[in-house]
Full PDB file with SEQRES, HELIX, SHEET, SSBOND, CRYST1, ORIGX, SCALE, CONECT and MASTER records, all heavy atoms in Angstrom:
SEQRES   1 A   38  ILE ALA ARG VAL VAL VAL GLY ALA LEU ASP PRO ASN PRO          
SEQRES   2 A   38  LEU VAL ALA GLY GLN GLY CYS ALA GLN LEU ARG GLU ALA          
SEQRES   3 A   38  GLY THR VAL VAL GLU THR GLY VAL LEU GLU GLU GLY              
HELIX    1 AA1 GLN A   18  GLU A   25  1                                   8    
SHEET    1 AA1 2 ARG A   3  VAL A   6  0                                        
SHEET    2 AA1 2 VAL A  29  THR A  32  1                                        
CRYST1    1.000    1.000    1.000  90.00  90.00  90.00 P 1           1          
ORIGX1      1.000000  0.000000  0.000000        0.00000                         
ORIGX2      0.000000  1.000000  0.000000        0.00000                         
ORIGX3      0.000000  0.000000  1.000000        0.00000                         
SCALE1      1.000000  0.000000  0.000000        0.00000                         
SCALE2      0.000000  1.000000  0.000000        0.00000                         
SCALE3      0.000000  0.000000  1.000000        0.00000                         
ATOM      1  N   ILE A   1       0.854  -1.194   0.000  1.00  0.00           N  
ATOM      2  CA  ILE A   1       0.000   0.000   0.000  1.00  0.00           C  
ATOM      3  C   ILE A   1       0.887   1.239   0.000  1.00  0.00           C  
ATOM      4  O   ILE A   1       1.797   1.368   0.825  1.00  0.00           O  
ATOM      5  CB  ILE A   1      -0.935   0.012   1.216  1.00  0.00           C  
ATOM      6  CG1 ILE A   1      -1.854  -1.209   1.229  1.00  0.00           C  
ATOM      7  CG2 ILE A   1      -1.739   1.303   1.253  1.00  0.00           C  
ATOM      8  CD1 ILE A   1      -2.879  -1.239   0.152  1.00  0.00           C  
ATOM      9  N   ALA A   2       0.637   2.171  -0.923  1.00  0.00           N  
ATOM     10  CA  ALA A   2       1.493   3.350  -1.054  1.00  0.00           C  
ATOM     11  C   ALA A   2       1.079   4.491  -0.137  1.00  0.00           C  
ATOM     12  O   ALA A   2       1.929   5.277   0.306  1.00  0.00           O  
ATOM     13  CB  ALA A   2       1.492   3.827  -2.506  1.00  0.00           C  
ATOM     14  N   ARG A   3      -0.208   4.597   0.138  1.00  0.00           N  
ATOM     15  CA  ARG A   3      -0.732   5.743   0.904  1.00  0.00           C  
ATOM     16  C   ARG A   3      -1.815   5.241   1.844  1.00  0.00           C  
ATOM     17  O   ARG A   3      -2.677   4.449   1.454  1.00  0.00           O  
ATOM     18  CB  ARG A   3      -1.274   6.808  -0.040  1.00  0.00           C  
ATOM     19  CG  ARG A   3      -1.892   8.032   0.608  1.00  0.00           C  
ATOM     20  CD  ARG A   3      -2.200   9.078  -0.462  1.00  0.00           C  
ATOM     21  NE  ARG A   3      -2.879  10.253   0.071  1.00  0.00           N  
ATOM     22  CZ  ARG A   3      -4.170  10.528  -0.122  1.00  0.00           C  
ATOM     23  NH1 ARG A   3      -4.932   9.695  -0.863  1.00  0.00           N  
ATOM     24  NH2 ARG A   3      -4.704  11.622   0.405  1.00  0.00           N  
ATOM     25  N   VAL A   4      -1.797   5.722   3.082  1.00  0.00           N  
ATOM     26  CA  VAL A   4      -2.805   5.365   4.070  1.00  0.00           C  
ATOM     27  C   VAL A   4      -3.438   6.645   4.598  1.00  0.00           C  
ATOM     28  O   VAL A   4      -2.736   7.543   5.070  1.00  0.00           O  
ATOM     29  CB  VAL A   4      -2.208   4.548   5.234  1.00  0.00           C  
ATOM     30  CG1 VAL A   4      -3.284   4.267   6.290  1.00  0.00           C  
ATOM     31  CG2 VAL A   4      -1.617   3.240   4.725  1.00  0.00           C  
ATOM     32  N   VAL A   5      -4.756   6.732   4.504  1.00  0.00           N  
ATOM     33  CA  VAL A   5      -5.515   7.875   5.011  1.00  0.00           C  
ATOM     34  C   VAL A   5      -6.292   7.413   6.232  1.00  0.00           C  
ATOM     35  O   VAL A   5      -7.103   6.490   6.147  1.00  0.00           O  
ATOM     36  CB  VAL A   5      -6.454   8.442   3.939  1.00  0.00           C  
ATOM     37  CG1 VAL A   5      -7.229   9.641   4.488  1.00  0.00           C  
ATOM     38  CG2 VAL A   5      -5.673   8.838   2.694  1.00  0.00           C  
ATOM     39  N   VAL A   6      -6.040   8.052   7.368  1.00  0.00           N  
ATOM     40  CA  VAL A   6      -6.599   7.642   8.652  1.00  0.00           C  
ATOM     41  C   VAL A   6      -7.602   8.677   9.133  1.00  0.00           C  
ATOM     42  O   VAL A   6      -7.333   9.884   9.079  1.00  0.00           O  
ATOM     43  CB  VAL A   6      -5.476   7.457   9.699  1.00  0.00           C  
ATOM     44  CG1 VAL A   6      -6.061   7.128  11.074  1.00  0.00           C  
ATOM     45  CG2 VAL A   6      -4.510   6.367   9.257  1.00  0.00           C  
ATOM     46  N   GLY A   7      -8.732   8.196   9.628  1.00  0.00           N  
ATOM     47  CA  GLY A   7      -9.727   9.110  10.176  1.00  0.00           C  
ATOM     48  C   GLY A   7      -9.329   9.650  11.540  1.00  0.00           C  
ATOM     49  O   GLY A   7      -9.205  10.853  11.747  1.00  0.00           O  
ATOM     50  N   ALA A   8      -9.126   8.756  12.505  1.00  0.00           N  
ATOM     51  CA  ALA A   8      -8.794   9.151  13.877  1.00  0.00           C  
ATOM     52  C   ALA A   8      -7.663   8.276  14.398  1.00  0.00           C  
ATOM     53  O   ALA A   8      -7.567   7.094  14.055  1.00  0.00           O  
ATOM     54  CB  ALA A   8     -10.012   9.030  14.789  1.00  0.00           C  
ATOM     55  N   LEU A   9      -6.820   8.851  15.222  1.00  0.00           N  
ATOM     56  CA  LEU A   9      -5.769   8.087  15.880  1.00  0.00           C  
ATOM     57  C   LEU A   9      -6.364   7.231  16.980  1.00  0.00           C  
ATOM     58  O   LEU A   9      -7.361   7.589  17.604  1.00  0.00           O  
ATOM     59  CB  LEU A   9      -4.703   9.022  16.446  1.00  0.00           C  
ATOM     60  CG  LEU A   9      -3.923   9.870  15.432  1.00  0.00           C  
ATOM     61  CD1 LEU A   9      -2.897  10.746  16.147  1.00  0.00           C  
ATOM     62  CD2 LEU A   9      -3.237   8.994  14.390  1.00  0.00           C  
ATOM     63  N   ASP A  10      -5.737   6.093  17.241  1.00  0.00           N  
ATOM     64  CA  ASP A  10      -6.208   5.141  18.242  1.00  0.00           C  
ATOM     65  C   ASP A  10      -5.690   5.549  19.619  1.00  0.00           C  
ATOM     66  O   ASP A  10      -4.478   5.664  19.810  1.00  0.00           O  
ATOM     67  CB  ASP A  10      -5.713   3.736  17.879  1.00  0.00           C  
ATOM     68  CG  ASP A  10      -6.366   2.643  18.715  1.00  0.00           C  
ATOM     69  OD1 ASP A  10      -6.886   2.937  19.811  1.00  0.00           O  
ATOM     70  OD2 ASP A  10      -6.352   1.467  18.265  1.00  0.00           O  
ATOM     71  N   PRO A  11      -6.581   5.770  20.616  1.00  0.00           N  
ATOM     72  CA  PRO A  11      -6.116   6.150  21.954  1.00  0.00           C  
ATOM     73  C   PRO A  11      -5.524   4.997  22.755  1.00  0.00           C  
ATOM     74  O   PRO A  11      -4.981   5.217  23.833  1.00  0.00           O  
ATOM     75  CB  PRO A  11      -7.395   6.675  22.623  1.00  0.00           C  
ATOM     76  CG  PRO A  11      -8.501   5.907  21.966  1.00  0.00           C  
ATOM     77  CD  PRO A  11      -8.057   5.705  20.535  1.00  0.00           C  
ATOM     78  N   ASN A  12      -5.651   3.770  22.249  1.00  0.00           N  
ATOM     79  CA  ASN A  12      -5.088   2.618  22.941  1.00  0.00           C  
ATOM     80  C   ASN A  12      -3.585   2.832  23.125  1.00  0.00           C  
ATOM     81  O   ASN A  12      -2.860   3.054  22.152  1.00  0.00           O  
ATOM     82  CB  ASN A  12      -5.343   1.349  22.138  1.00  0.00           C  
ATOM     83  CG  ASN A  12      -4.945   0.087  22.872  1.00  0.00           C  
ATOM     84  OD1 ASN A  12      -4.122   0.093  23.796  1.00  0.00           O  
ATOM     85  ND2 ASN A  12      -5.515  -1.033  22.474  1.00  0.00           N  
ATOM     86  N   PRO A  13      -3.060   2.775  24.359  1.00  0.00           N  
ATOM     87  CA  PRO A  13      -1.624   2.999  24.578  1.00  0.00           C  
ATOM     88  C   PRO A  13      -0.738   2.063  23.766  1.00  0.00           C  
ATOM     89  O   PRO A  13       0.420   2.401  23.485  1.00  0.00           O  
ATOM     90  CB  PRO A  13      -1.458   2.751  26.079  1.00  0.00           C  
ATOM     91  CG  PRO A  13      -2.812   3.003  26.665  1.00  0.00           C  
ATOM     92  CD  PRO A  13      -3.784   2.552  25.627  1.00  0.00           C  
ATOM     93  N   LEU A  14      -1.255   0.902  23.372  1.00  0.00           N  
ATOM     94  CA  LEU A  14      -0.475  -0.027  22.563  1.00  0.00           C  
ATOM     95  C   LEU A  14      -0.323   0.455  21.126  1.00  0.00           C  
ATOM     96  O   LEU A  14       0.494  -0.084  20.367  1.00  0.00           O  
ATOM     97  CB  LEU A  14      -1.117  -1.414  22.577  1.00  0.00           C  
ATOM     98  CG  LEU A  14      -1.172  -2.126  23.934  1.00  0.00           C  
ATOM     99  CD1 LEU A  14      -1.954  -3.428  23.822  1.00  0.00           C  
ATOM    100  CD2 LEU A  14       0.237  -2.392  24.456  1.00  0.00           C  
ATOM    101  N   VAL A  15      -1.138   1.450  20.739  1.00  0.00           N  
ATOM    102  CA  VAL A  15      -1.066   2.011  19.388  1.00  0.00           C  
ATOM    103  C   VAL A  15      -0.701   3.488  19.497  1.00  0.00           C  
ATOM    104  O   VAL A  15       0.433   3.861  19.310  1.00  0.00           O  
ATOM    105  CB  VAL A  15      -2.395   1.811  18.624  1.00  0.00           C  
ATOM    106  CG1 VAL A  15      -2.259   2.312  17.190  1.00  0.00           C  
ATOM    107  CG2 VAL A  15      -2.829   0.349  18.655  1.00  0.00           C  
ATOM    108  N   ALA A  16      -1.683   4.328  19.780  1.00  0.00           N  
ATOM    109  CA  ALA A  16      -1.489   5.747  20.097  1.00  0.00           C  
ATOM    110  C   ALA A  16      -0.448   6.439  19.226  1.00  0.00           C  
ATOM    111  O   ALA A  16       0.547   6.990  19.712  1.00  0.00           O  
ATOM    112  CB  ALA A  16      -1.130   5.909  21.584  1.00  0.00           C  
ATOM    113  N   GLY A  17      -0.625   6.404  17.923  1.00  0.00           N  
ATOM    114  CA  GLY A  17       0.288   7.057  17.001  1.00  0.00           C  
ATOM    115  C   GLY A  17       1.419   6.178  16.507  1.00  0.00           C  
ATOM    116  O   GLY A  17       2.076   6.510  15.508  1.00  0.00           O  
ATOM    117  N   GLN A  18       1.652   5.069  17.175  1.00  0.00           N  
ATOM    118  CA  GLN A  18       2.754   4.200  16.788  1.00  0.00           C  
ATOM    119  C   GLN A  18       2.483   3.480  15.467  1.00  0.00           C  
ATOM    120  O   GLN A  18       3.410   3.185  14.711  1.00  0.00           O  
ATOM    121  CB  GLN A  18       3.030   3.181  17.887  1.00  0.00           C  
ATOM    122  CG  GLN A  18       3.428   3.799  19.218  1.00  0.00           C  
ATOM    123  CD  GLN A  18       3.589   2.756  20.308  1.00  0.00           C  
ATOM    124  OE1 GLN A  18       4.473   1.901  20.240  1.00  0.00           O  
ATOM    125  NE2 GLN A  18       2.729   2.817  21.314  1.00  0.00           N  
ATOM    126  N   GLY A  19       1.204   3.180  15.195  1.00  0.00           N  
ATOM    127  CA  GLY A  19       0.872   2.533  13.941  1.00  0.00           C  
ATOM    128  C   GLY A  19       1.209   3.418  12.752  1.00  0.00           C  
ATOM    129  O   GLY A  19       1.838   2.967  11.780  1.00  0.00           O  
ATOM    130  N   CYS A  20       0.818   4.690  12.825  1.00  0.00           N  
ATOM    131  CA  CYS A  20       1.140   5.635  11.757  1.00  0.00           C  
ATOM    132  C   CYS A  20       2.645   5.845  11.651  1.00  0.00           C  
ATOM    133  O   CYS A  20       3.195   5.920  10.541  1.00  0.00           O  
ATOM    134  CB  CYS A  20       0.436   6.971  12.006  1.00  0.00           C  
ATOM    135  SG  CYS A  20      -1.371   6.914  11.786  1.00  0.00           S  
ATOM    136  N   ALA A  21       3.335   5.937  12.789  1.00  0.00           N  
ATOM    137  CA  ALA A  21       4.781   6.141  12.781  1.00  0.00           C  
ATOM    138  C   ALA A  21       5.493   4.969  12.111  1.00  0.00           C  
ATOM    139  O   ALA A  21       6.445   5.165  11.337  1.00  0.00           O  
ATOM    140  CB  ALA A  21       5.291   6.341  14.201  1.00  0.00           C  
ATOM    141  N   GLN A  22       5.032   3.763  12.401  1.00  0.00           N  
ATOM    142  CA  GLN A  22       5.653   2.580  11.805  1.00  0.00           C  
ATOM    143  C   GLN A  22       5.488   2.580  10.288  1.00  0.00           C  
ATOM    144  O   GLN A  22       6.430   2.237   9.552  1.00  0.00           O  
ATOM    145  CB  GLN A  22       5.028   1.323  12.412  1.00  0.00           C  
ATOM    146  CG  GLN A  22       5.736   0.038  12.033  1.00  0.00           C  
ATOM    147  CD  GLN A  22       5.107  -1.170  12.699  1.00  0.00           C  
ATOM    148  OE1 GLN A  22       4.388  -1.958  12.095  1.00  0.00           O  
ATOM    149  NE2 GLN A  22       5.356  -1.324  13.964  1.00  0.00           N  
ATOM    150  N   LEU A  23       4.317   2.957   9.807  1.00  0.00           N  
ATOM    151  CA  LEU A  23       4.085   3.005   8.370  1.00  0.00           C  
ATOM    152  C   LEU A  23       4.957   4.074   7.709  1.00  0.00           C  
ATOM    153  O   LEU A  23       5.528   3.854   6.635  1.00  0.00           O  
ATOM    154  CB  LEU A  23       2.612   3.273   8.089  1.00  0.00           C  
ATOM    155  CG  LEU A  23       1.630   2.157   8.489  1.00  0.00           C  
ATOM    156  CD1 LEU A  23       0.193   2.639   8.337  1.00  0.00           C  
ATOM    157  CD2 LEU A  23       1.866   0.907   7.659  1.00  0.00           C  
ATOM    158  N   ARG A  24       5.048   5.232   8.346  1.00  0.00           N  
ATOM    159  CA  ARG A  24       5.864   6.314   7.785  1.00  0.00           C  
ATOM    160  C   ARG A  24       7.328   5.914   7.727  1.00  0.00           C  
ATOM    161  O   ARG A  24       8.026   6.192   6.734  1.00  0.00           O  
ATOM    162  CB  ARG A  24       5.692   7.581   8.616  1.00  0.00           C  
ATOM    163  CG  ARG A  24       4.331   8.261   8.466  1.00  0.00           C  
ATOM    164  CD  ARG A  24       4.337   9.629   9.128  1.00  0.00           C  
ATOM    165  NE  ARG A  24       3.062  10.335   8.956  1.00  0.00           N  
ATOM    166  CZ  ARG A  24       2.179  10.491   9.917  1.00  0.00           C  
ATOM    167  NH1 ARG A  24       2.390   9.972  11.134  1.00  0.00           N  
ATOM    168  NH2 ARG A  24       1.045  11.129   9.669  1.00  0.00           N  
ATOM    169  N   GLU A  25       7.817   5.271   8.772  1.00  0.00           N  
ATOM    170  CA  GLU A  25       9.211   4.840   8.793  1.00  0.00           C  
ATOM    171  C   GLU A  25       9.520   3.868   7.664  1.00  0.00           C  
ATOM    172  O   GLU A  25      10.647   3.806   7.169  1.00  0.00           O  
ATOM    173  CB  GLU A  25       9.536   4.202  10.146  1.00  0.00           C  
ATOM    174  CG  GLU A  25       9.580   5.192  11.304  1.00  0.00           C  
ATOM    175  CD  GLU A  25       9.701   4.504  12.644  1.00  0.00           C  
ATOM    176  OE1 GLU A  25       9.792   3.243  12.654  1.00  0.00           O  
ATOM    177  OE2 GLU A  25       9.700   5.199  13.689  1.00  0.00           O  
ATOM    178  N   ALA A  26       8.506   3.114   7.245  1.00  0.00           N  
ATOM    179  CA  ALA A  26       8.695   2.153   6.158  1.00  0.00           C  
ATOM    180  C   ALA A  26       8.517   2.789   4.783  1.00  0.00           C  
ATOM    181  O   ALA A  26       8.635   2.099   3.759  1.00  0.00           O  
ATOM    182  CB  ALA A  26       7.721   0.993   6.312  1.00  0.00           C  
ATOM    183  N   GLY A  27       8.240   4.107   4.733  1.00  0.00           N  
ATOM    184  CA  GLY A  27       8.120   4.806   3.466  1.00  0.00           C  
ATOM    185  C   GLY A  27       6.705   5.003   2.962  1.00  0.00           C  
ATOM    186  O   GLY A  27       6.502   5.554   1.875  1.00  0.00           O  
ATOM    187  N   THR A  28       5.695   4.588   3.721  1.00  0.00           N  
ATOM    188  CA  THR A  28       4.302   4.767   3.324  1.00  0.00           C  
ATOM    189  C   THR A  28       3.864   6.193   3.624  1.00  0.00           C  
ATOM    190  O   THR A  28       4.155   6.735   4.691  1.00  0.00           O  
ATOM    191  CB  THR A  28       3.393   3.785   4.076  1.00  0.00           C  
ATOM    192  OG1 THR A  28       3.860   2.453   3.890  1.00  0.00           O  
ATOM    193  CG2 THR A  28       1.959   3.895   3.588  1.00  0.00           C  
ATOM    194  N   VAL A  29       3.164   6.813   2.687  1.00  0.00           N  
ATOM    195  CA  VAL A  29       2.597   8.134   2.924  1.00  0.00           C  
ATOM    196  C   VAL A  29       1.380   7.978   3.821  1.00  0.00           C  
ATOM    197  O   VAL A  29       0.464   7.206   3.517  1.00  0.00           O  
ATOM    198  CB  VAL A  29       2.197   8.802   1.595  1.00  0.00           C  
ATOM    199  CG1 VAL A  29       1.518  10.145   1.860  1.00  0.00           C  
ATOM    200  CG2 VAL A  29       3.414   8.975   0.703  1.00  0.00           C  
ATOM    201  N   VAL A  30       1.362   8.694   4.933  1.00  0.00           N  
ATOM    202  CA  VAL A  30       0.265   8.594   5.894  1.00  0.00           C  
ATOM    203  C   VAL A  30      -0.327   9.974   6.127  1.00  0.00           C  
ATOM    204  O   VAL A  30       0.401  10.928   6.420  1.00  0.00           O  
ATOM    205  CB  VAL A  30       0.739   7.996   7.233  1.00  0.00           C  
ATOM    206  CG1 VAL A  30      -0.432   7.934   8.226  1.00  0.00           C  
ATOM    207  CG2 VAL A  30       1.329   6.610   7.033  1.00  0.00           C  
ATOM    208  N   GLU A  31      -1.626  10.091   5.997  1.00  0.00           N  
ATOM    209  CA  GLU A  31      -2.349  11.326   6.291  1.00  0.00           C  
ATOM    210  C   GLU A  31      -3.439  11.023   7.301  1.00  0.00           C  
ATOM    211  O   GLU A  31      -4.085   9.970   7.232  1.00  0.00           O  
ATOM    212  CB  GLU A  31      -2.936  11.919   5.016  1.00  0.00           C  
ATOM    213  CG  GLU A  31      -1.878  12.291   3.987  1.00  0.00           C  
ATOM    214  CD  GLU A  31      -2.455  12.909   2.738  1.00  0.00           C  
ATOM    215  OE1 GLU A  31      -3.508  13.581   2.863  1.00  0.00           O  
ATOM    216  OE2 GLU A  31      -1.877  12.731   1.649  1.00  0.00           O  
ATOM    217  N   THR A  32      -3.658  11.914   8.233  1.00  0.00           N  
ATOM    218  CA  THR A  32      -4.610  11.695   9.314  1.00  0.00           C  
ATOM    219  C   THR A  32      -5.626  12.834   9.397  1.00  0.00           C  
ATOM    220  O   THR A  32      -5.433  13.898   8.807  1.00  0.00           O  
ATOM    221  CB  THR A  32      -3.890  11.567  10.666  1.00  0.00           C  
ATOM    222  OG1 THR A  32      -3.210  12.799  10.966  1.00  0.00           O  
ATOM    223  CG2 THR A  32      -2.869  10.432  10.641  1.00  0.00           C  
ATOM    224  N   GLY A  33      -6.703  12.583  10.128  1.00  0.00           N  
ATOM    225  CA  GLY A  33      -7.672  13.624  10.424  1.00  0.00           C  
ATOM    226  C   GLY A  33      -8.753  13.837   9.387  1.00  0.00           C  
ATOM    227  O   GLY A  33      -9.489  14.819   9.468  1.00  0.00           O  
ATOM    228  N   VAL A  34      -8.914  12.937   8.428  1.00  0.00           N  
ATOM    229  CA  VAL A  34      -9.975  13.062   7.427  1.00  0.00           C  
ATOM    230  C   VAL A  34     -11.289  12.574   8.034  1.00  0.00           C  
ATOM    231  O   VAL A  34     -11.386  11.431   8.491  1.00  0.00           O  
ATOM    232  CB  VAL A  34      -9.634  12.268   6.154  1.00  0.00           C  
ATOM    233  CG1 VAL A  34     -10.789  12.319   5.167  1.00  0.00           C  
ATOM    234  CG2 VAL A  34      -8.359  12.809   5.522  1.00  0.00           C  
ATOM    235  N   LEU A  35     -12.282  13.448   8.094  1.00  0.00           N  
ATOM    236  CA  LEU A  35     -13.564  13.184   8.763  1.00  0.00           C  
ATOM    237  C   LEU A  35     -13.332  12.698  10.201  1.00  0.00           C  
ATOM    238  O   LEU A  35     -14.005  11.793  10.692  1.00  0.00           O  
ATOM    239  CB  LEU A  35     -14.398  12.160   7.982  1.00  0.00           C  
ATOM    240  CG  LEU A  35     -14.817  12.549   6.560  1.00  0.00           C  
ATOM    241  CD1 LEU A  35     -15.775  11.476   5.999  1.00  0.00           C  
ATOM    242  CD2 LEU A  35     -15.478  13.904   6.517  1.00  0.00           C  
ATOM    243  N   GLU A  36     -12.393  13.354  10.847  1.00  0.00           N  
ATOM    244  CA  GLU A  36     -11.987  12.913  12.180  1.00  0.00           C  
ATOM    245  C   GLU A  36     -13.134  12.956  13.181  1.00  0.00           C  
ATOM    246  O   GLU A  36     -13.297  12.022  13.975  1.00  0.00           O  
ATOM    247  CB  GLU A  36     -10.830  13.772  12.696  1.00  0.00           C  
ATOM    248  CG  GLU A  36     -10.321  13.336  14.071  1.00  0.00           C  
ATOM    249  CD  GLU A  36      -9.134  14.146  14.536  1.00  0.00           C  
ATOM    250  OE1 GLU A  36      -8.772  15.129  13.844  1.00  0.00           O  
ATOM    251  OE2 GLU A  36      -8.546  13.805  15.582  1.00  0.00           O  
ATOM    252  N   GLU A  37     -13.939  14.029  13.169  1.00  0.00           N  
ATOM    253  CA  GLU A  37     -15.020  14.136  14.139  1.00  0.00           C  
ATOM    254  C   GLU A  37     -15.997  12.967  14.005  1.00  0.00           C  
ATOM    255  O   GLU A  37     -16.415  12.371  14.995  1.00  0.00           O  
ATOM    256  CB  GLU A  37     -15.760  15.458  13.980  1.00  0.00           C  
ATOM    257  CG  GLU A  37     -16.856  15.669  15.024  1.00  0.00           C  
ATOM    258  CD  GLU A  37     -17.518  17.024  14.933  1.00  0.00           C  
ATOM    259  OE1 GLU A  37     -17.086  17.836  14.101  1.00  0.00           O  
ATOM    260  OE2 GLU A  37     -18.466  17.274  15.689  1.00  0.00           O  
ATOM    261  N   GLY A  38     -16.359  12.631  12.764  1.00  0.00           N  
ATOM    262  CA  GLY A  38     -17.259  11.510  12.550  1.00  0.00           C  
ATOM    263  C   GLY A  38     -16.645  10.193  12.975  1.00  0.00           C  
ATOM    264  O   GLY A  38     -17.324   9.328  13.536  1.00  0.00           O  
TER     265      GLY A  38                                                      
MASTER        0    0    0    1    2    0    0    6  264    1    0    3          
END                                                                             
């Protein structure tokens, strides 16, 4: 997958931004906050 668009970050301490960070470190384009309120 080349690009990942995320609605909301996971508040679970086991994730909490680490999932997005891991993808970015591997070269995947990650964007967050799309329709975040919903």
